[in-house]
Amino acid sequence: MTPEPRVQVPARATDAPSARAMFEALQQQAQAHGVLLRAPPPEPTTCCGRGCNGCVWEGYLDAAEYWRQEALLQIDPANFE
């Protein structure tokens, strides 16, 4: 019996496009492993574009990172042994 392939760990998202790519990559890997992940966090719609301290995008990227860590644990807990 051949062992199941290890999970490819995508990097932490740094902007909306990298977050979308990371979500897609992990959702595909989860599907391949027969794991159902919760929906990723929704992108913010209230950014004013002025670069505020505590911008809604900062919170979104933190939520995306939490989602990434949770997904990796669900797909393959051995990644964190």
PDB file of N, CA and C in Angstrom:
ATOM      1  N   MET A   1       0.846  -1.171   0.000  1.00  0.00           N
ATOM      2  CA  MET A   1       0.000   0.000   0.000  1.00  0.00           C
ATOM      3  C   MET A   1       0.898   1.242   0.000  1.00  0.00           C
ATOM      4  N   THR A   2       0.611   2.177  -0.889  1.00  0.00           N
ATOM      5  CA  THR A   2       1.395   3.415  -0.942  1.00  0.00           C
ATOM      6  C   THR A   2       0.779   4.450  -0.013  1.00  0.00           C
ATOM      7  N   PRO A   3       1.609   5.185   0.710  1.00  0.00           N
ATOM      8  CA  PRO A   3       1.071   6.205   1.607  1.00  0.00           C
ATOM      9  C   PRO A   3       0.427   7.344   0.819  1.00  0.00           C
ATOM     10  N   GLU A   4      -0.572   7.958   1.449  1.00  0.00           N
ATOM     11  CA  GLU A   4      -1.234   9.109   0.830  1.00  0.00           C
ATOM     12  C   GLU A   4      -0.245  10.256   0.720  1.00  0.00           C
ATOM     13  N   PRO A   5      -0.293  11.011  -0.375  1.00  0.00           N
ATOM     14  CA  PRO A   5       0.645  12.131  -0.514  1.00  0.00           C
ATOM     15  C   PRO A   5       0.414  13.189   0.557  1.00  0.00           C
ATOM     16  N   ARG A   6       1.507  13.802   0.967  1.00  0.00           N
ATOM     17  CA  ARG A   6       1.426  14.869   1.965  1.00  0.00           C
ATOM     18  C   ARG A   6       0.738  16.089   1.366  1.00  0.00           C
ATOM     19  N   VAL A   7       0.225  16.910   2.221  1.00  0.00           N
ATOM     20  CA  VAL A   7      -0.460  18.128   1.804  1.00  0.00           C
ATOM     21  C   VAL A   7       0.554  19.177   1.396  1.00  0.00           C
ATOM     22  N   GLN A   8       0.298  19.836   0.279  1.00  0.00           N
ATOM     23  CA  GLN A   8       1.103  20.988  -0.120  1.00  0.00           C
ATOM     24  C   GLN A   8       0.613  22.162   0.721  1.00  0.00           C
ATOM     25  N   VAL A   9       1.503  22.774   1.459  1.00  0.00           N
ATOM     26  CA  VAL A   9       1.110  23.851   2.369  1.00  0.00           C
ATOM     27  C   VAL A   9       1.301  25.190   1.674  1.00  0.00           C
ATOM     28  N   PRO A  10       0.180  25.838   1.302  1.00  0.00           N
ATOM     29  CA  PRO A  10       0.303  27.158   0.671  1.00  0.00           C
ATOM     30  C   PRO A  10       0.735  28.202   1.689  1.00  0.00           C
ATOM     31  N   ALA A  11       1.393  29.229   1.204  1.00  0.00           N
ATOM     32  CA  ALA A  11       1.865  30.314   2.064  1.00  0.00           C
ATOM     33  C   ALA A  11       0.702  31.132   2.605  1.00  0.00           C
ATOM     34  N   ARG A  12       0.972  31.856   3.668  1.00  0.00           N
ATOM     35  CA  ARG A  12      -0.008  32.773   4.247  1.00  0.00           C
ATOM     36  C   ARG A  12      -0.397  33.810   3.189  1.00  0.00           C
ATOM     37  N   ALA A  13      -1.681  34.132   3.135  1.00  0.00           N
ATOM     38  CA  ALA A  13      -2.182  35.128   2.179  1.00  0.00           C
ATOM     39  C   ALA A  13      -1.702  36.522   2.579  1.00  0.00           C
ATOM     40  N   THR A  14      -1.355  37.316   1.564  1.00  0.00           N
ATOM     41  CA  THR A  14      -0.893  38.680   1.811  1.00  0.00           C
ATOM     42  C   THR A  14      -1.799  39.725   1.164  1.00  0.00           C
ATOM     43  N   ASP A  15      -2.738  39.274   0.342  1.00  0.00           N
ATOM     44  CA  ASP A  15      -3.688  40.168  -0.314  1.00  0.00           C
ATOM     45  C   ASP A  15      -4.863  39.327  -0.810  1.00  0.00           C
ATOM     46  N   ALA A  16      -5.857  39.973  -1.411  1.00  0.00           N
ATOM     47  CA  ALA A  16      -7.057  39.257  -1.853  1.00  0.00           C
ATOM     48  C   ALA A  16      -6.739  38.171  -2.882  1.00  0.00           C
ATOM     49  N   PRO A  17      -5.929  38.445  -3.929  1.00  0.00           N
ATOM     50  CA  PRO A  17      -5.648  37.381  -4.902  1.00  0.00           C
ATOM     51  C   PRO A  17      -4.933  36.170  -4.291  1.00  0.00           C
ATOM     52  N   SER A  18      -3.972  36.422  -3.399  1.00  0.00           N
ATOM     53  CA  SER A  18      -3.268  35.286  -2.795  1.00  0.00           C
ATOM     54  C   SER A  18      -4.185  34.530  -1.835  1.00  0.00           C
ATOM     55  N   ALA A  19      -5.118  35.222  -1.196  1.00  0.00           N
ATOM     56  CA  ALA A  19      -6.090  34.548  -0.325  1.00  0.00           C
ATOM     57  C   ALA A  19      -6.998  33.648  -1.159  1.00  0.00           C
ATOM     58  N   ARG A  20      -7.493  34.173  -2.282  1.00  0.00           N
ATOM     59  CA  ARG A  20      -8.361  33.359  -3.149  1.00  0.00           C
ATOM     60  C   ARG A  20      -7.623  32.114  -3.634  1.00  0.00           C
ATOM     61  N   ALA A  21      -6.370  32.279  -4.040  1.00  0.00           N
ATOM     62  CA  ALA A  21      -5.576  31.145  -4.524  1.00  0.00           C
ATOM     63  C   ALA A  21      -5.338  30.131  -3.410  1.00  0.00           C
ATOM     64  N   MET A  22      -5.054  30.612  -2.213  1.00  0.00           N
ATOM     65  CA  MET A  22      -4.823  29.728  -1.077  1.00  0.00           C
ATOM     66  C   MET A  22      -6.096  28.964  -0.730  1.00  0.00           C
ATOM     67  N   PHE A  23      -7.244  29.648  -0.703  1.00  0.00           N
ATOM     68  CA  PHE A  23      -8.515  28.973  -0.426  1.00  0.00           C
ATOM     69  C   PHE A  23      -8.769  27.871  -1.450  1.00  0.00           C
ATOM     70  N   GLU A  24      -8.584  28.197  -2.722  1.00  0.00           N
ATOM     71  CA  GLU A  24      -8.831  27.238  -3.793  1.00  0.00           C
ATOM     72  C   GLU A  24      -7.917  26.023  -3.679  1.00  0.00           C
ATOM     73  N   ALA A  25      -6.633  26.264  -3.425  1.00  0.00           N
ATOM     74  CA  ALA A  25      -5.670  25.162  -3.319  1.00  0.00           C
ATOM     75  C   ALA A  25      -6.030  24.228  -2.169  1.00  0.00           C
ATOM     76  N   LEU A  26      -6.364  24.795  -1.025  1.00  0.00           N
ATOM     77  CA  LEU A  26      -6.690  23.950   0.120  1.00  0.00           C
ATOM     78  C   LEU A  26      -8.031  23.254  -0.044  1.00  0.00           C
ATOM     79  N   GLN A  27      -8.995  23.908  -0.677  1.00  0.00           N
ATOM     80  CA  GLN A  27     -10.280  23.250  -0.919  1.00  0.00           C
ATOM     81  C   GLN A  27     -10.101  22.064  -1.864  1.00  0.00           C
ATOM     82  N   GLN A  28      -9.253  22.203  -2.868  1.00  0.00           N
ATOM     83  CA  GLN A  28      -8.990  21.086  -3.779  1.00  0.00           C
ATOM     84  C   GLN A  28      -8.302  19.936  -3.050  1.00  0.00           C
ATOM     85  N   GLN A  29      -7.340  20.260  -2.206  1.00  0.00           N
ATOM     86  CA  GLN A  29      -6.649  19.219  -1.449  1.00  0.00           C
ATOM     87  C   GLN A  29      -7.594  18.536  -0.471  1.00  0.00           C
ATOM     88  N   ALA A  30      -8.454  19.314   0.165  1.00  0.00           N
ATOM     89  CA  ALA A  30      -9.420  18.727   1.098  1.00  0.00           C
ATOM     90  C   ALA A  30     -10.342  17.761   0.360  1.00  0.00           C
ATOM     91  N   GLN A  31     -10.814  18.167  -0.796  1.00  0.00           N
ATOM     92  CA  GLN A  31     -11.690  17.307  -1.584  1.00  0.00           C
ATOM     93  C   GLN A  31     -10.969  16.009  -1.949  1.00  0.00           C
ATOM     94  N   ALA A  32      -9.699  16.107  -2.333  1.00  0.00           N
ATOM     95  CA  ALA A  32      -8.922  14.922  -2.691  1.00  0.00           C
ATOM     96  C   ALA A  32      -8.742  13.979  -1.501  1.00  0.00           C
ATOM     97  N   HIS A  33      -8.747  14.530  -0.286  1.00  0.00           N
ATOM     98  CA  HIS A  33      -8.603  13.723   0.931  1.00  0.00           C
ATOM     99  C   HIS A  33      -9.956  13.340   1.535  1.00  0.00           C
ATOM    100  N   GLY A  34     -11.045  13.756   0.897  1.00  0.00           N
ATOM    101  CA  GLY A  34     -12.375  13.433   1.406  1.00  0.00           C
ATOM    102  C   GLY A  34     -12.767  14.228   2.642  1.00  0.00           C
ATOM    103  N   VAL A  35     -12.251  15.437   2.740  1.00  0.00           N
ATOM    104  CA  VAL A  35     -12.528  16.293   3.898  1.00  0.00           C
ATOM    105  C   VAL A  35     -13.377  17.481   3.446  1.00  0.00           C
ATOM    106  N   LEU A  36     -14.395  17.788   4.220  1.00  0.00           N
ATOM    107  CA  LEU A  36     -15.240  18.944   3.932  1.00  0.00           C
ATOM    108  C   LEU A  36     -14.819  20.099   4.844  1.00  0.00           C
ATOM    109  N   LEU A  37     -14.397  21.199   4.251  1.00  0.00           N
ATOM    110  CA  LEU A  37     -13.971  22.376   5.018  1.00  0.00           C
ATOM    111  C   LEU A  37     -15.119  23.371   5.125  1.00  0.00           C
ATOM    112  N   ARG A  38     -15.088  24.171   6.180  1.00  0.00           N
ATOM    113  CA  ARG A  38     -16.071  25.247   6.281  1.00  0.00           C
ATOM    114  C   ARG A  38     -15.758  26.299   5.223  1.00  0.00           C
ATOM    115  N   ALA A  39     -16.705  27.152   4.944  1.00  0.00           N
ATOM    116  CA  ALA A  39     -16.503  28.203   3.939  1.00  0.00           C
ATOM    117  C   ALA A  39     -15.417  29.173   4.406  1.00  0.00           C
ATOM    118  N   PRO A  40     -14.598  29.650   3.481  1.00  0.00           N
ATOM    119  CA  PRO A  40     -13.590  30.646   3.862  1.00  0.00           C
ATOM    120  C   PRO A  40     -14.266  31.969   4.238  1.00  0.00           C
ATOM    121  N   PRO A  41     -13.544  32.833   4.951  1.00  0.00           N
ATOM    122  CA  PRO A  41     -14.143  34.114   5.325  1.00  0.00           C
ATOM    123  C   PRO A  41     -14.455  34.965   4.095  1.00  0.00           C
ATOM    124  N   PRO A  42     -15.540  35.723   4.149  1.00  0.00           N
ATOM    125  CA  PRO A  42     -15.882  36.595   3.016  1.00  0.00           C
ATOM    126  C   PRO A  42     -14.937  37.791   2.942  1.00  0.00           C
ATOM    127  N   GLU A  43     -14.684  38.234   1.722  1.00  0.00           N
ATOM    128  CA  GLU A  43     -13.841  39.420   1.551  1.00  0.00           C
ATOM    129  C   GLU A  43     -14.581  40.649   2.060  1.00  0.00           C
ATOM    130  N   PRO A  44     -13.851  41.611   2.626  1.00  0.00           N
ATOM    131  CA  PRO A  44     -14.484  42.830   3.118  1.00  0.00           C
ATOM    132  C   PRO A  44     -15.078  43.652   1.974  1.00  0.00           C
ATOM    133  N   THR A  45     -16.124  44.367   2.300  1.00  0.00           N
ATOM    134  CA  THR A  45     -16.773  45.234   1.309  1.00  0.00           C
ATOM    135  C   THR A  45     -16.812  46.687   1.773  1.00  0.00           C
ATOM    136  N   THR A  46     -16.222  46.965   2.931  1.00  0.00           N
ATOM    137  CA  THR A  46     -16.344  48.295   3.515  1.00  0.00           C
ATOM    138  C   THR A  46     -15.038  49.075   3.575  1.00  0.00           C
ATOM    139  N   CYS A  47     -14.012  48.646   2.853  1.00  0.00           N
ATOM    140  CA  CYS A  47     -12.734  49.358   2.892  1.00  0.00           C
ATOM    141  C   CYS A  47     -12.869  50.724   2.221  1.00  0.00           C
ATOM    142  N   CYS A  48     -12.344  51.744   2.879  1.00  0.00           N
ATOM    143  CA  CYS A  48     -12.433  53.099   2.328  1.00  0.00           C
ATOM    144  C   CYS A  48     -11.232  53.421   1.428  1.00  0.00           C
ATOM    145  N   GLY A  49     -10.189  52.581   1.479  1.00  0.00           N
ATOM    146  CA  GLY A  49      -9.034  52.785   0.624  1.00  0.00           C
ATOM    147  C   GLY A  49      -8.038  53.808   1.124  1.00  0.00           C
ATOM    148  N   ARG A  50      -8.165  54.258   2.378  1.00  0.00           N
ATOM    149  CA  ARG A  50      -7.260  55.278   2.905  1.00  0.00           C
ATOM    150  C   ARG A  50      -6.105  54.707   3.709  1.00  0.00           C
ATOM    151  N   GLY A  51      -5.984  53.378   3.779  1.00  0.00           N
ATOM    152  CA  GLY A  51      -4.879  52.780   4.527  1.00  0.00           C
ATOM    153  C   GLY A  51      -4.996  52.962   6.027  1.00  0.00           C
ATOM    154  N   CYS A  52      -6.187  52.865   6.537  1.00  0.00           N
ATOM    155  CA  CYS A  52      -6.437  53.069   7.971  1.00  0.00           C
ATOM    156  C   CYS A  52      -5.676  52.068   8.825  1.00  0.00           C
ATOM    157  N   ASN A  53      -5.291  52.505  10.020  1.00  0.00           N
ATOM    158  CA  ASN A  53      -4.733  51.606  11.006  1.00  0.00           C
ATOM    159  C   ASN A  53      -5.871  50.690  11.443  1.00  0.00           C
ATOM    160  N   GLY A  54      -5.666  49.386  11.333  1.00  0.00           N
ATOM    161  CA  GLY A  54      -6.731  48.452  11.664  1.00  0.00           C
ATOM    162  C   GLY A  54      -7.702  48.277  10.513  1.00  0.00           C
ATOM    163  N   CYS A  55      -7.217  48.375   9.307  1.00  0.00           N
ATOM    164  CA  CYS A  55      -8.044  48.234   8.103  1.00  0.00           C
ATOM    165  C   CYS A  55      -8.798  46.905   8.119  1.00  0.00           C
ATOM    166  N   VAL A  56      -9.966  46.898   7.509  1.00  0.00           N
ATOM    167  CA  VAL A  56     -10.759  45.676   7.442  1.00  0.00           C
ATOM    168  C   VAL A  56      -9.985  44.561   6.730  1.00  0.00           C
ATOM    169  N   TRP A  57      -9.070  44.921   5.828  1.00  0.00           N
ATOM    170  CA  TRP A  57      -8.277  43.909   5.138  1.00  0.00           C
ATOM    171  C   TRP A  57      -7.296  43.222   6.080  1.00  0.00           C
ATOM    172  N   GLU A  58      -6.817  43.917   7.099  1.00  0.00           N
ATOM    173  CA  GLU A  58      -5.941  43.280   8.084  1.00  0.00           C
ATOM    174  C   GLU A  58      -6.699  42.174   8.815  1.00  0.00           C
ATOM    175  N   GLY A  59      -7.922  42.486   9.227  1.00  0.00           N
ATOM    176  CA  GLY A  59      -8.754  41.483   9.891  1.00  0.00           C
ATOM    177  C   GLY A  59      -9.078  40.320   8.975  1.00  0.00           C
ATOM    178  N   TYR A  60      -9.336  40.619   7.717  1.00  0.00           N
ATOM    179  CA  TYR A  60      -9.634  39.575   6.739  1.00  0.00           C
ATOM    180  C   TYR A  60      -8.440  38.638   6.568  1.00  0.00           C
ATOM    181  N   LEU A  61      -7.251  39.201   6.439  1.00  0.00           N
ATOM    182  CA  LEU A  61      -6.069  38.359   6.252  1.00  0.00           C
ATOM    183  C   LEU A  61      -5.775  37.529   7.495  1.00  0.00           C
ATOM    184  N   ASP A  62      -6.057  38.071   8.679  1.00  0.00           N
ATOM    185  CA  ASP A  62      -5.915  37.287   9.905  1.00  0.00           C
ATOM    186  C   ASP A  62      -6.928  36.140   9.914  1.00  0.00           C
ATOM    187  N   ALA A  63      -8.167  36.410   9.499  1.00  0.00           N
ATOM    188  CA  ALA A  63      -9.191  35.366   9.431  1.00  0.00           C
ATOM    189  C   ALA A  63      -8.809  34.318   8.385  1.00  0.00           C
ATOM    190  N   ALA A  64      -8.231  34.756   7.272  1.00  0.00           N
ATOM    191  CA  ALA A  64      -7.790  33.822   6.240  1.00  0.00           C
ATOM    192  C   ALA A  64      -6.689  32.914   6.778  1.00  0.00           C
ATOM    193  N   GLU A  65      -5.788  33.455   7.574  1.00  0.00           N
ATOM    194  CA  GLU A  65      -4.718  32.646   8.159  1.00  0.00           C
ATOM    195  C   GLU A  65      -5.284  31.635   9.147  1.00  0.00           C
ATOM    196  N   TYR A  66      -6.252  32.046   9.949  1.00  0.00           N
ATOM    197  CA  TYR A  66      -6.899  31.116  10.876  1.00  0.00           C
ATOM    198  C   TYR A  66      -7.559  29.985  10.086  1.00  0.00           C
ATOM    199  N   TRP A  67      -8.248  30.340   9.000  1.00  0.00           N
ATOM    200  CA  TRP A  67      -8.911  29.350   8.146  1.00  0.00           C
ATOM    201  C   TRP A  67      -7.865  28.393   7.564  1.00  0.00           C
ATOM    202  N   ARG A  68      -6.728  28.924   7.113  1.00  0.00           N
ATOM    203  CA  ARG A  68      -5.655  28.105   6.536  1.00  0.00           C
ATOM    204  C   ARG A  68      -5.142  27.093   7.551  1.00  0.00           C
ATOM    205  N   GLN A  69      -4.853  27.558   8.756  1.00  0.00           N
ATOM    206  CA  GLN A  69      -4.347  26.670   9.803  1.00  0.00           C
ATOM    207  C   GLN A  69      -5.367  25.578  10.140  1.00  0.00           C
ATOM    208  N   GLU A  70      -6.620  25.959  10.270  1.00  0.00           N
ATOM    209  CA  GLU A  70      -7.682  25.006  10.568  1.00  0.00           C
ATOM    210  C   GLU A  70      -7.827  23.981   9.434  1.00  0.00           C
ATOM    211  N   ALA A  71      -7.780  24.453   8.190  1.00  0.00           N
ATOM    212  CA  ALA A  71      -7.897  23.559   7.038  1.00  0.00           C
ATOM    213  C   ALA A  71      -6.750  22.553   7.017  1.00  0.00           C
ATOM    214  N   LEU A  72      -5.539  23.037   7.259  1.00  0.00           N
ATOM    215  CA  LEU A  72      -4.384  22.136   7.252  1.00  0.00           C
ATOM    216  C   LEU A  72      -4.506  21.059   8.319  1.00  0.00           C
ATOM    217  N   LEU A  73      -5.009  21.432   9.486  1.00  0.00           N
ATOM    218  CA  LEU A  73      -5.216  20.448  10.547  1.00  0.00           C
ATOM    219  C   LEU A  73      -6.264  19.416  10.156  1.00  0.00           C
ATOM    220  N   GLN A  74      -7.309  19.858   9.502  1.00  0.00           N
ATOM    221  CA  GLN A  74      -8.372  18.933   9.100  1.00  0.00           C
ATOM    222  C   GLN A  74      -7.909  18.015   7.977  1.00  0.00           C
ATOM    223  N   ILE A  75      -7.160  18.547   7.036  1.00  0.00           N
ATOM    224  CA  ILE A  75      -6.723  17.745   5.898  1.00  0.00           C
ATOM    225  C   ILE A  75      -5.685  16.721   6.309  1.00  0.00           C
ATOM    226  N   ASP A  76      -4.699  17.140   7.081  1.00  0.00           N
ATOM    227  CA  ASP A  76      -3.617  16.243   7.469  1.00  0.00           C
ATOM    228  C   ASP A  76      -2.994  16.709   8.778  1.00  0.00           C
ATOM    229  N   PRO A  77      -3.488  16.199   9.912  1.00  0.00           N
ATOM    230  CA  PRO A  77      -2.938  16.614  11.210  1.00  0.00           C
ATOM    231  C   PRO A  77      -1.442  16.345  11.351  1.00  0.00           C
ATOM    232  N   ALA A  78      -0.904  15.427  10.553  1.00  0.00           N
ATOM    233  CA  ALA A  78       0.529  15.110  10.641  1.00  0.00           C
ATOM    234  C   ALA A  78       1.405  16.294  10.248  1.00  0.00           C
ATOM    235  N   ASN A  79       0.829  17.293   9.579  1.00  0.00           N
ATOM    236  CA  ASN A  79       1.602  18.480   9.232  1.00  0.00           C
ATOM    237  C   ASN A  79       2.070  19.228  10.475  1.00  0.00           C
ATOM    238  N   PHE A  80       1.435  18.964  11.600  1.00  0.00           N
ATOM    239  CA  PHE A  80       1.735  19.724  12.816  1.00  0.00           C
ATOM    240  C   PHE A  80       2.294  18.850  13.929  1.00  0.00           C
ATOM    241  N   GLU A  81       2.776  17.675  13.579  1.00  0.00           N
ATOM    242  CA  GLU A  81       3.363  16.791  14.607  1.00  0.00           C
ATOM    243  C   GLU A  81       4.766  17.191  14.905  1.00  0.00           C
TER     244      GLU A  81
END
